[in-house]
All heavy atoms as atom14 arrays in JSON, in Angstrom:
{
  "sequence": "RVADLGCGTGILAIGAKLLGASEVVGIDSDPKSVEVARQFSASMGLE",
  "atom14_mask": [
    [1, 1, 1, 1, 1, 1, 1, 1, 1, 1, 1, 0, 0, 0],
    [1, 1, 1, 1, 1, 1, 1, 0, 0, 0, 0, 0, 0, 0],
    [1, 1, 1, 1, 1, 0, 0, 0, 0, 0, 0, 0, 0, 0],
    [1, 1, 1, 1, 1, 1, 1, 1, 0, 0, 0, 0, 0, 0],
    [1, 1, 1, 1, 1, 1, 1, 1, 0, 0, 0, 0, 0, 0],
    [1, 1, 1, 1, 0, 0, 0, 0, 0, 0, 0, 0, 0, 0],
    [1, 1, 1, 1, 1, 1, 0, 0, 0, 0, 0, 0, 0, 0],
    [1, 1, 1, 1, 0, 0, 0, 0, 0, 0, 0, 0, 0, 0],
    [1, 1, 1, 1, 1, 1, 1, 0, 0, 0, 0, 0, 0, 0],
    [1, 1, 1, 1, 0, 0, 0, 0, 0, 0, 0, 0, 0, 0],
    [1, 1, 1, 1, 1, 1, 1, 1, 0, 0, 0, 0, 0, 0],
    [1, 1, 1, 1, 1, 1, 1, 1, 0, 0, 0, 0, 0, 0],
    [1, 1, 1, 1, 1, 0, 0, 0, 0, 0, 0, 0, 0, 0],
    [1, 1, 1, 1, 1, 1, 1, 1, 0, 0, 0, 0, 0, 0],
    [1, 1, 1, 1, 0, 0, 0, 0, 0, 0, 0, 0, 0, 0],
    [1, 1, 1, 1, 1, 0, 0, 0, 0, 0, 0, 0, 0, 0],
    [1, 1, 1, 1, 1, 1, 1, 1, 1, 0, 0, 0, 0, 0],
    [1, 1, 1, 1, 1, 1, 1, 1, 0, 0, 0, 0, 0, 0],
    [1, 1, 1, 1, 1, 1, 1, 1, 0, 0, 0, 0, 0, 0],
    [1, 1, 1, 1, 0, 0, 0, 0, 0, 0, 0, 0, 0, 0],
    [1, 1, 1, 1, 1, 0, 0, 0, 0, 0, 0, 0, 0, 0],
    [1, 1, 1, 1, 1, 1, 0, 0, 0, 0, 0, 0, 0, 0],
    [1, 1, 1, 1, 1, 1, 1, 1, 1, 0, 0, 0, 0, 0],
    [1, 1, 1, 1, 1, 1, 1, 0, 0, 0, 0, 0, 0, 0],
    [1, 1, 1, 1, 1, 1, 1, 0, 0, 0, 0, 0, 0, 0],
    [1, 1, 1, 1, 0, 0, 0, 0, 0, 0, 0, 0, 0, 0],
    [1, 1, 1, 1, 1, 1, 1, 1, 0, 0, 0, 0, 0, 0],
    [1, 1, 1, 1, 1, 1, 1, 1, 0, 0, 0, 0, 0, 0],
    [1, 1, 1, 1, 1, 1, 0, 0, 0, 0, 0, 0, 0, 0],
    [1, 1, 1, 1, 1, 1, 1, 1, 0, 0, 0, 0, 0, 0],
    [1, 1, 1, 1, 1, 1, 1, 0, 0, 0, 0, 0, 0, 0],
    [1, 1, 1, 1, 1, 1, 1, 1, 1, 0, 0, 0, 0, 0],
    [1, 1, 1, 1, 1, 1, 0, 0, 0, 0, 0, 0, 0, 0],
    [1, 1, 1, 1, 1, 1, 1, 0, 0, 0, 0, 0, 0, 0],
    [1, 1, 1, 1, 1, 1, 1, 1, 1, 0, 0, 0, 0, 0],
    [1, 1, 1, 1, 1, 1, 1, 0, 0, 0, 0, 0, 0, 0],
    [1, 1, 1, 1, 1, 0, 0, 0, 0, 0, 0, 0, 0, 0],
    [1, 1, 1, 1, 1, 1, 1, 1, 1, 1, 1, 0, 0, 0],
    [1, 1, 1, 1, 1, 1, 1, 1, 1, 0, 0, 0, 0, 0],
    [1, 1, 1, 1, 1, 1, 1, 1, 1, 1, 1, 0, 0, 0],
    [1, 1, 1, 1, 1, 1, 0, 0, 0, 0, 0, 0, 0, 0],
    [1, 1, 1, 1, 1, 0, 0, 0, 0, 0, 0, 0, 0, 0],
    [1, 1, 1, 1, 1, 1, 0, 0, 0, 0, 0, 0, 0, 0],
    [1, 1, 1, 1, 1, 1, 1, 1, 0, 0, 0, 0, 0, 0],
    [1, 1, 1, 1, 0, 0, 0, 0, 0, 0, 0, 0, 0, 0],
    [1, 1, 1, 1, 1, 1, 1, 1, 0, 0, 0, 0, 0, 0],
    [1, 1, 1, 1, 1, 1, 1, 1, 1, 0, 0, 0, 0, 0]
  ],
  "atom14_positions": [
    [[-18.73, -4.59, 8.33], [-17.32, -4.2, 8.16], [-17.3, -3.03, 7.18], [-17.73, -3.16, 6.04], [-16.52, -5.38, 7.61], [-16.5, -6.61, 8.52], [-15.99, -7.83, 7.78], [-16.86, -8.15, 6.65], [-16.56, -9.01, 5.67], [-15.39, -9.62, 5.67], [-17.41, -9.25, 4.69], [0.0, 0.0, 0.0], [0.0, 0.0, 0.0], [0.0, 0.0, 0.0]],
    [[-16.78, -1.91, 7.65], [-16.9, -0.65, 6.9], [-15.52, -0.06, 6.64], [-14.64, -0.09, 7.5], [-17.76, 0.37, 7.68], [-17.86, 1.69, 6.94], [-19.16, -0.21, 7.94], [0.0, 0.0, 0.0], [0.0, 0.0, 0.0], [0.0, 0.0, 0.0], [0.0, 0.0, 0.0], [0.0, 0.0, 0.0], [0.0, 0.0, 0.0], [0.0, 0.0, 0.0]],
    [[-15.35, 0.51, 5.44], [-14.11, 1.22, 5.11], [-14.44, 2.65, 4.72], [-15.47, 2.92, 4.09], [-13.39, 0.54, 3.95], [0.0, 0.0, 0.0], [0.0, 0.0, 0.0], [0.0, 0.0, 0.0], [0.0, 0.0, 0.0], [0.0, 0.0, 0.0], [0.0, 0.0, 0.0], [0.0, 0.0, 0.0], [0.0, 0.0, 0.0], [0.0, 0.0, 0.0]],
    [[-13.54, 3.56, 5.11], [-13.59, 4.96, 4.67], [-12.31, 5.19, 3.87], [-11.22, 5.23, 4.44], [-13.67, 5.89, 5.88], [-13.7, 7.37, 5.51], [-13.68, 7.68, 4.31], [-13.72, 8.2, 6.44], [0.0, 0.0, 0.0], [0.0, 0.0, 0.0], [0.0, 0.0, 0.0], [0.0, 0.0, 0.0], [0.0, 0.0, 0.0], [0.0, 0.0, 0.0]],
    [[-12.45, 5.33, 2.57], [-11.3, 5.49, 1.68], [-11.0, 6.97, 1.51], [-11.87, 7.73, 1.1], [-11.57, 4.83, 0.33], [-12.03, 3.37, 0.38], [-12.23, 2.83, -1.03], [-11.05, 2.5, 1.15], [0.0, 0.0, 0.0], [0.0, 0.0, 0.0], [0.0, 0.0, 0.0], [0.0, 0.0, 0.0], [0.0, 0.0, 0.0], [0.0, 0.0, 0.0]],
    [[-9.78, 7.38, 1.82], [-9.46, 8.8, 1.86], [-10.09, 9.4, 3.09], [-10.81, 10.4, 3.01], [0.0, 0.0, 0.0], [0.0, 0.0, 0.0], [0.0, 0.0, 0.0], [0.0, 0.0, 0.0], [0.0, 0.0, 0.0], [0.0, 0.0, 0.0], [0.0, 0.0, 0.0], [0.0, 0.0, 0.0], [0.0, 0.0, 0.0], [0.0, 0.0, 0.0]],
    [[-9.81, 8.8, 4.24], [-10.57, 9.11, 5.46], [-10.3, 10.48, 6.04], [-11.07, 10.96, 6.88], [-10.32, 8.04, 6.52], [-8.61, 7.98, 7.13], [0.0, 0.0, 0.0], [0.0, 0.0, 0.0], [0.0, 0.0, 0.0], [0.0, 0.0, 0.0], [0.0, 0.0, 0.0], [0.0, 0.0, 0.0], [0.0, 0.0, 0.0], [0.0, 0.0, 0.0]],
    [[-9.22, 11.15, 5.62], [-8.92, 12.45, 6.2], [-8.76, 12.35, 7.7], [-8.1, 11.44, 8.22], [0.0, 0.0, 0.0], [0.0, 0.0, 0.0], [0.0, 0.0, 0.0], [0.0, 0.0, 0.0], [0.0, 0.0, 0.0], [0.0, 0.0, 0.0], [0.0, 0.0, 0.0], [0.0, 0.0, 0.0], [0.0, 0.0, 0.0], [0.0, 0.0, 0.0]],
    [[-9.38, 13.26, 8.43], [-9.28, 13.22, 9.89], [-10.32, 12.31, 10.53], [-10.46, 12.28, 11.75], [-9.37, 14.64, 10.48], [-10.62, 15.24, 10.1], [-8.21, 15.51, 10.01], [0.0, 0.0, 0.0], [0.0, 0.0, 0.0], [0.0, 0.0, 0.0], [0.0, 0.0, 0.0], [0.0, 0.0, 0.0], [0.0, 0.0, 0.0], [0.0, 0.0, 0.0]],
    [[-11.04, 11.55, 9.71], [-11.82, 10.43, 10.21], [-13.28, 10.63, 10.49], [-13.92, 9.78, 11.13], [0.0, 0.0, 0.0], [0.0, 0.0, 0.0], [0.0, 0.0, 0.0], [0.0, 0.0, 0.0], [0.0, 0.0, 0.0], [0.0, 0.0, 0.0], [0.0, 0.0, 0.0], [0.0, 0.0, 0.0], [0.0, 0.0, 0.0], [0.0, 0.0, 0.0]],
    [[-13.88, 11.7, 9.99], [-15.26, 12.0, 10.39], [-16.24, 10.89, 10.02], [-17.09, 10.5, 10.82], [-15.71, 13.38, 9.83], [-17.03, 13.81, 10.46], [-15.79, 13.37, 8.3], [-17.37, 15.26, 10.19], [0.0, 0.0, 0.0], [0.0, 0.0, 0.0], [0.0, 0.0, 0.0], [0.0, 0.0, 0.0], [0.0, 0.0, 0.0], [0.0, 0.0, 0.0]],
    [[-16.12, 10.32, 8.81], [-17.04, 9.26, 8.41], [-16.72, 7.94, 9.1], [-17.62, 7.2, 9.49], [-17.02, 9.09, 6.88], [-17.57, 10.27, 6.08], [-17.37, 10.04, 4.59], [-19.06, 10.48, 6.37], [0.0, 0.0, 0.0], [0.0, 0.0, 0.0], [0.0, 0.0, 0.0], [0.0, 0.0, 0.0], [0.0, 0.0, 0.0], [0.0, 0.0, 0.0]],
    [[-15.43, 7.64, 9.23], [-15.02, 6.41, 9.91], [-15.48, 6.41, 11.37], [-16.03, 5.42, 11.87], [-13.51, 6.26, 9.83], [0.0, 0.0, 0.0], [0.0, 0.0, 0.0], [0.0, 0.0, 0.0], [0.0, 0.0, 0.0], [0.0, 0.0, 0.0], [0.0, 0.0, 0.0], [0.0, 0.0, 0.0], [0.0, 0.0, 0.0], [0.0, 0.0, 0.0]],
    [[-15.28, 7.52, 12.04], [-15.67, 7.65, 13.45], [-17.19, 7.54, 13.58], [-17.71, 6.83, 14.45], [-15.16, 8.97, 14.02], [-13.63, 8.9, 14.18], [-15.82, 9.31, 15.35], [-12.95, 10.25, 14.35], [0.0, 0.0, 0.0], [0.0, 0.0, 0.0], [0.0, 0.0, 0.0], [0.0, 0.0, 0.0], [0.0, 0.0, 0.0], [0.0, 0.0, 0.0]],
    [[-17.92, 8.21, 12.69], [-19.37, 8.15, 12.73], [-19.89, 6.74, 12.49], [-20.85, 6.3, 13.13], [0.0, 0.0, 0.0], [0.0, 0.0, 0.0], [0.0, 0.0, 0.0], [0.0, 0.0, 0.0], [0.0, 0.0, 0.0], [0.0, 0.0, 0.0], [0.0, 0.0, 0.0], [0.0, 0.0, 0.0], [0.0, 0.0, 0.0], [0.0, 0.0, 0.0]],
    [[-19.26, 6.02, 11.56], [-19.69, 4.65, 11.28], [-19.52, 3.76, 12.51], [-20.38, 2.93, 12.82], [-18.9, 4.09, 10.1], [0.0, 0.0, 0.0], [0.0, 0.0, 0.0], [0.0, 0.0, 0.0], [0.0, 0.0, 0.0], [0.0, 0.0, 0.0], [0.0, 0.0, 0.0], [0.0, 0.0, 0.0], [0.0, 0.0, 0.0], [0.0, 0.0, 0.0]],
    [[-18.41, 3.94, 13.22], [-18.17, 3.14, 14.43], [-19.18, 3.49, 15.51], [-19.7, 2.6, 16.21], [-16.75, 3.38, 14.93], [-16.33, 2.43, 16.05], [-16.27, 0.99, 15.56], [-15.8, 0.04, 16.65], [-15.77, -1.37, 16.19], [0.0, 0.0, 0.0], [0.0, 0.0, 0.0], [0.0, 0.0, 0.0], [0.0, 0.0, 0.0], [0.0, 0.0, 0.0]],
    [[-19.47, 4.76, 15.66], [-20.45, 5.18, 16.67], [-21.84, 4.62, 16.39], [-22.64, 4.43, 17.31], [-20.51, 6.71, 16.73], [-19.31, 7.41, 17.37], [-19.35, 8.9, 17.13], [-19.25, 7.12, 18.88], [0.0, 0.0, 0.0], [0.0, 0.0, 0.0], [0.0, 0.0, 0.0], [0.0, 0.0, 0.0], [0.0, 0.0, 0.0], [0.0, 0.0, 0.0]],
    [[-22.13, 4.34, 15.11], [-23.43, 3.8, 14.74], [-23.42, 2.27, 14.65], [-24.35, 1.68, 14.11], [-23.91, 4.41, 13.42], [-24.29, 5.89, 13.5], [-24.74, 6.42, 12.14], [-25.39, 6.12, 14.53], [0.0, 0.0, 0.0], [0.0, 0.0, 0.0], [0.0, 0.0, 0.0], [0.0, 0.0, 0.0], [0.0, 0.0, 0.0], [0.0, 0.0, 0.0]],
    [[-22.38, 1.66, 15.21], [-22.44, 0.21, 15.4], [-21.72, -0.66, 14.41], [-21.93, -1.89, 14.42], [0.0, 0.0, 0.0], [0.0, 0.0, 0.0], [0.0, 0.0, 0.0], [0.0, 0.0, 0.0], [0.0, 0.0, 0.0], [0.0, 0.0, 0.0], [0.0, 0.0, 0.0], [0.0, 0.0, 0.0], [0.0, 0.0, 0.0], [0.0, 0.0, 0.0]],
    [[-20.89, -0.08, 13.55], [-20.12, -0.93, 12.64], [-19.23, -1.86, 13.46], [-18.62, -1.45, 14.45], [-19.26, -0.07, 11.71], [0.0, 0.0, 0.0], [0.0, 0.0, 0.0], [0.0, 0.0, 0.0], [0.0, 0.0, 0.0], [0.0, 0.0, 0.0], [0.0, 0.0, 0.0], [0.0, 0.0, 0.0], [0.0, 0.0, 0.0], [0.0, 0.0, 0.0]],
    [[-19.15, -3.13, 13.05], [-18.36, -4.09, 13.81], [-16.87, -3.88, 13.62], [-16.07, -4.15, 14.52], [-18.73, -5.52, 13.4], [-18.46, -5.73, 12.01], [0.0, 0.0, 0.0], [0.0, 0.0, 0.0], [0.0, 0.0, 0.0], [0.0, 0.0, 0.0], [0.0, 0.0, 0.0], [0.0, 0.0, 0.0], [0.0, 0.0, 0.0], [0.0, 0.0, 0.0]],
    [[-16.49, -3.4, 12.46], [-15.09, -3.14, 12.14], [-15.04, -1.93, 11.22], [-15.83, -1.82, 10.28], [-14.47, -4.34, 11.43], [-13.04, -4.15, 10.97], [-12.52, -5.32, 10.15], [-13.19, -6.38, 10.12], [-11.46, -5.16, 9.51], [0.0, 0.0, 0.0], [0.0, 0.0, 0.0], [0.0, 0.0, 0.0], [0.0, 0.0, 0.0], [0.0, 0.0, 0.0]],
    [[-14.13, -1.02, 11.48], [-13.97, 0.16, 10.63], [-12.49, 0.32, 10.3], [-11.64, 0.32, 11.19], [-14.48, 1.45, 11.3], [-14.22, 2.66, 10.4], [-15.97, 1.34, 11.6], [0.0, 0.0, 0.0], [0.0, 0.0, 0.0], [0.0, 0.0, 0.0], [0.0, 0.0, 0.0], [0.0, 0.0, 0.0], [0.0, 0.0, 0.0], [0.0, 0.0, 0.0]],
    [[-12.21, 0.47, 9.02], [-10.85, 0.74, 8.57], [-10.87, 2.03, 7.76], [-11.75, 2.24, 6.93], [-10.26, -0.43, 7.75], [-11.14, -0.76, 6.56], [-8.84, -0.11, 7.29], [0.0, 0.0, 0.0], [0.0, 0.0, 0.0], [0.0, 0.0, 0.0], [0.0, 0.0, 0.0], [0.0, 0.0, 0.0], [0.0, 0.0, 0.0], [0.0, 0.0, 0.0]],
    [[-9.92, 2.91, 8.05], [-9.78, 4.14, 7.28], [-8.38, 4.2, 6.71], [-7.41, 3.79, 7.36], [0.0, 0.0, 0.0], [0.0, 0.0, 0.0], [0.0, 0.0, 0.0], [0.0, 0.0, 0.0], [0.0, 0.0, 0.0], [0.0, 0.0, 0.0], [0.0, 0.0, 0.0], [0.0, 0.0, 0.0], [0.0, 0.0, 0.0], [0.0, 0.0, 0.0]],
    [[-8.26, 4.69, 5.49], [-6.94, 4.83, 4.87], [-6.83, 6.2, 4.23], [-7.79, 6.7, 3.64], [-6.69, 3.71, 3.83], [-5.27, 3.84, 3.25], [-7.75, 3.69, 2.74], [-4.83, 2.64, 2.43], [0.0, 0.0, 0.0], [0.0, 0.0, 0.0], [0.0, 0.0, 0.0], [0.0, 0.0, 0.0], [0.0, 0.0, 0.0], [0.0, 0.0, 0.0]],
    [[-5.65, 6.8, 4.38], [-5.39, 8.1, 3.78], [-3.9, 8.2, 3.49], [-3.07, 7.65, 4.24], [-5.83, 9.23, 4.72], [-6.01, 10.55, 3.98], [-4.99, 11.22, 3.7], [-7.17, 10.91, 3.69], [0.0, 0.0, 0.0], [0.0, 0.0, 0.0], [0.0, 0.0, 0.0], [0.0, 0.0, 0.0], [0.0, 0.0, 0.0], [0.0, 0.0, 0.0]],
    [[-3.55, 8.9, 2.44], [-2.14, 9.02, 2.06], [-1.38, 10.02, 2.92], [-0.16, 10.06, 2.88], [-2.02, 9.43, 0.59], [-2.62, 10.71, 0.38], [0.0, 0.0, 0.0], [0.0, 0.0, 0.0], [0.0, 0.0, 0.0], [0.0, 0.0, 0.0], [0.0, 0.0, 0.0], [0.0, 0.0, 0.0], [0.0, 0.0, 0.0], [0.0, 0.0, 0.0]],
    [[-2.11, 10.83, 3.7], [-1.48, 11.89, 4.48], [-1.32, 11.48, 5.94], [-2.32, 11.33, 6.65], [-2.31, 13.16, 4.36], [-1.7, 14.3, 5.17], [-0.47, 14.43, 5.16], [-2.46, 15.03, 5.81], [0.0, 0.0, 0.0], [0.0, 0.0, 0.0], [0.0, 0.0, 0.0], [0.0, 0.0, 0.0], [0.0, 0.0, 0.0], [0.0, 0.0, 0.0]],
    [[-0.09, 11.33, 6.43], [0.12, 10.91, 7.82], [-0.48, 11.86, 8.85], [-0.95, 11.42, 9.9], [1.65, 10.86, 7.95], [2.16, 10.74, 6.55], [1.17, 11.49, 5.69], [0.0, 0.0, 0.0], [0.0, 0.0, 0.0], [0.0, 0.0, 0.0], [0.0, 0.0, 0.0], [0.0, 0.0, 0.0], [0.0, 0.0, 0.0], [0.0, 0.0, 0.0]],
    [[-0.47, 13.17, 8.56], [-1.01, 14.13, 9.52], [-2.51, 13.92, 9.72], [-3.01, 14.0, 10.84], [-0.72, 15.56, 9.06], [0.75, 15.95, 9.13], [0.94, 17.4, 8.7], [2.41, 17.81, 8.76], [2.59, 19.22, 8.33], [0.0, 0.0, 0.0], [0.0, 0.0, 0.0], [0.0, 0.0, 0.0], [0.0, 0.0, 0.0], [0.0, 0.0, 0.0]],
    [[-3.23, 13.68, 8.63], [-4.67, 13.42, 8.73], [-4.93, 12.18, 9.57], [-5.8, 12.18, 10.47], [-5.27, 13.21, 7.34], [-5.29, 14.39, 6.59], [0.0, 0.0, 0.0], [0.0, 0.0, 0.0], [0.0, 0.0, 0.0], [0.0, 0.0, 0.0], [0.0, 0.0, 0.0], [0.0, 0.0, 0.0], [0.0, 0.0, 0.0], [0.0, 0.0, 0.0]],
    [[-4.2, 11.13, 9.28], [-4.41, 9.87, 9.99], [-4.09, 10.02, 11.48], [-4.8, 9.48, 12.33], [-3.57, 8.75, 9.35], [-3.67, 7.46, 10.17], [-4.05, 8.49, 7.92], [0.0, 0.0, 0.0], [0.0, 0.0, 0.0], [0.0, 0.0, 0.0], [0.0, 0.0, 0.0], [0.0, 0.0, 0.0], [0.0, 0.0, 0.0], [0.0, 0.0, 0.0]],
    [[-3.06, 10.79, 11.8], [-2.72, 10.99, 13.21], [-3.82, 11.73, 13.94], [-4.15, 11.4, 15.1], [-1.4, 11.76, 13.32], [-0.91, 11.94, 14.75], [-0.72, 10.64, 15.51], [-0.45, 9.59, 14.88], [-0.88, 10.66, 16.75], [0.0, 0.0, 0.0], [0.0, 0.0, 0.0], [0.0, 0.0, 0.0], [0.0, 0.0, 0.0], [0.0, 0.0, 0.0]],
    [[-4.41, 12.73, 13.31], [-5.55, 13.43, 13.92], [-6.69, 12.45, 14.17], [-7.3, 12.45, 15.25], [-6.02, 14.6, 13.03], [-7.34, 15.18, 13.55], [-4.96, 15.69, 12.97], [0.0, 0.0, 0.0], [0.0, 0.0, 0.0], [0.0, 0.0, 0.0], [0.0, 0.0, 0.0], [0.0, 0.0, 0.0], [0.0, 0.0, 0.0], [0.0, 0.0, 0.0]],
    [[-6.99, 11.63, 13.18], [-8.07, 10.64, 13.32], [-7.77, 9.66, 14.44], [-8.66, 9.3, 15.23], [-8.26, 9.9, 12.0], [0.0, 0.0, 0.0], [0.0, 0.0, 0.0], [0.0, 0.0, 0.0], [0.0, 0.0, 0.0], [0.0, 0.0, 0.0], [0.0, 0.0, 0.0], [0.0, 0.0, 0.0], [0.0, 0.0, 0.0], [0.0, 0.0, 0.0]],
    [[-6.51, 9.23, 14.54], [-6.13, 8.29, 15.6], [-6.3, 8.9, 16.98], [-6.85, 8.28, 17.9], [-4.68, 7.85, 15.4], [-4.48, 6.83, 14.28], [-3.0, 6.56, 14.06], [-2.81, 5.53, 13.03], [-1.66, 5.34, 12.39], [-0.61, 6.11, 12.66], [-1.56, 4.37, 11.47], [0.0, 0.0, 0.0], [0.0, 0.0, 0.0], [0.0, 0.0, 0.0]],
    [[-5.85, 10.13, 17.12], [-5.92, 10.78, 18.43], [-7.36, 11.02, 18.85], [-7.73, 10.79, 20.01], [-5.13, 12.09, 18.4], [-3.62, 11.91, 18.31], [-2.86, 13.23, 18.35], [-3.44, 14.28, 18.58], [-1.56, 13.17, 18.11], [0.0, 0.0, 0.0], [0.0, 0.0, 0.0], [0.0, 0.0, 0.0], [0.0, 0.0, 0.0], [0.0, 0.0, 0.0]],
    [[-8.19, 11.47, 17.91], [-9.58, 11.76, 18.27], [-10.34, 10.47, 18.58], [-11.08, 10.42, 19.57], [-10.28, 12.53, 17.15], [-11.66, 12.98, 17.54], [-11.85, 14.13, 18.27], [-12.78, 12.22, 17.2], [-13.13, 14.54, 18.66], [-14.05, 12.61, 17.58], [-14.23, 13.78, 18.31], [0.0, 0.0, 0.0], [0.0, 0.0, 0.0], [0.0, 0.0, 0.0]],
    [[-10.18, 9.45, 17.75], [-10.89, 8.2, 18.0], [-10.45, 7.57, 19.32], [-11.26, 7.01, 20.06], [-10.7, 7.21, 16.84], [-9.33, 6.94, 16.61], [0.0, 0.0, 0.0], [0.0, 0.0, 0.0], [0.0, 0.0, 0.0], [0.0, 0.0, 0.0], [0.0, 0.0, 0.0], [0.0, 0.0, 0.0], [0.0, 0.0, 0.0], [0.0, 0.0, 0.0]],
    [[-9.15, 7.69, 19.64], [-8.66, 7.17, 20.92], [-9.28, 7.94, 22.09], [-9.64, 7.34, 23.12], [-7.14, 7.27, 20.98], [0.0, 0.0, 0.0], [0.0, 0.0, 0.0], [0.0, 0.0, 0.0], [0.0, 0.0, 0.0], [0.0, 0.0, 0.0], [0.0, 0.0, 0.0], [0.0, 0.0, 0.0], [0.0, 0.0, 0.0], [0.0, 0.0, 0.0]],
    [[-9.44, 9.25, 21.93], [-10.04, 10.06, 22.99], [-11.5, 9.69, 23.22], [-12.04, 9.9, 24.31], [-9.93, 11.55, 22.65], [-10.85, 11.93, 21.63], [0.0, 0.0, 0.0], [0.0, 0.0, 0.0], [0.0, 0.0, 0.0], [0.0, 0.0, 0.0], [0.0, 0.0, 0.0], [0.0, 0.0, 0.0], [0.0, 0.0, 0.0], [0.0, 0.0, 0.0]],
    [[-12.13, 9.11, 22.18], [-13.52, 8.67, 22.28], [-13.63, 7.22, 22.74], [-14.73, 6.7, 22.92], [-14.21, 8.83, 20.92], [-14.37, 10.26, 20.44], [-15.65, 11.14, 21.36], [-17.11, 10.21, 20.91], [0.0, 0.0, 0.0], [0.0, 0.0, 0.0], [0.0, 0.0, 0.0], [0.0, 0.0, 0.0], [0.0, 0.0, 0.0], [0.0, 0.0, 0.0]],
    [[-12.48, 6.55, 22.88], [-12.5, 5.14, 23.26], [-12.95, 4.23, 22.14], [-13.47, 3.13, 22.39], [0.0, 0.0, 0.0], [0.0, 0.0, 0.0], [0.0, 0.0, 0.0], [0.0, 0.0, 0.0], [0.0, 0.0, 0.0], [0.0, 0.0, 0.0], [0.0, 0.0, 0.0], [0.0, 0.0, 0.0], [0.0, 0.0, 0.0], [0.0, 0.0, 0.0]],
    [[-12.75, 4.65, 20.89], [-13.18, 3.87, 19.73], [-12.01, 3.11, 19.12], [-10.91, 3.65, 18.99], [-13.78, 4.8, 18.67], [-14.98, 5.64, 19.11], [-15.38, 6.6, 18.0], [-16.16, 4.74, 19.49], [0.0, 0.0, 0.0], [0.0, 0.0, 0.0], [0.0, 0.0, 0.0], [0.0, 0.0, 0.0], [0.0, 0.0, 0.0], [0.0, 0.0, 0.0]],
    [[-12.25, 1.86, 18.75], [-11.24, 1.04, 18.1], [-11.46, 1.07, 16.59], [-12.41, 0.48, 16.08], [-11.28, -0.38, 18.62], [-10.86, -0.52, 20.08], [-10.76, -1.95, 20.52], [-10.77, -2.86, 19.66], [-10.67, -2.18, 21.74], [0.0, 0.0, 0.0], [0.0, 0.0, 0.0], [0.0, 0.0, 0.0], [0.0, 0.0, 0.0], [0.0, 0.0, 0.0]]
  ]
}
């Protein structure tokens, strides 16, 4: 179970999931960053 604190657009969170993390949570204070991360991870089929 992995967390990326201050995840920005999600590069570390996405990479952790691709390398087999069972659960990944990312948090960021900026909604625009989180939306970019959501859209990209969804395009990759990552939860």
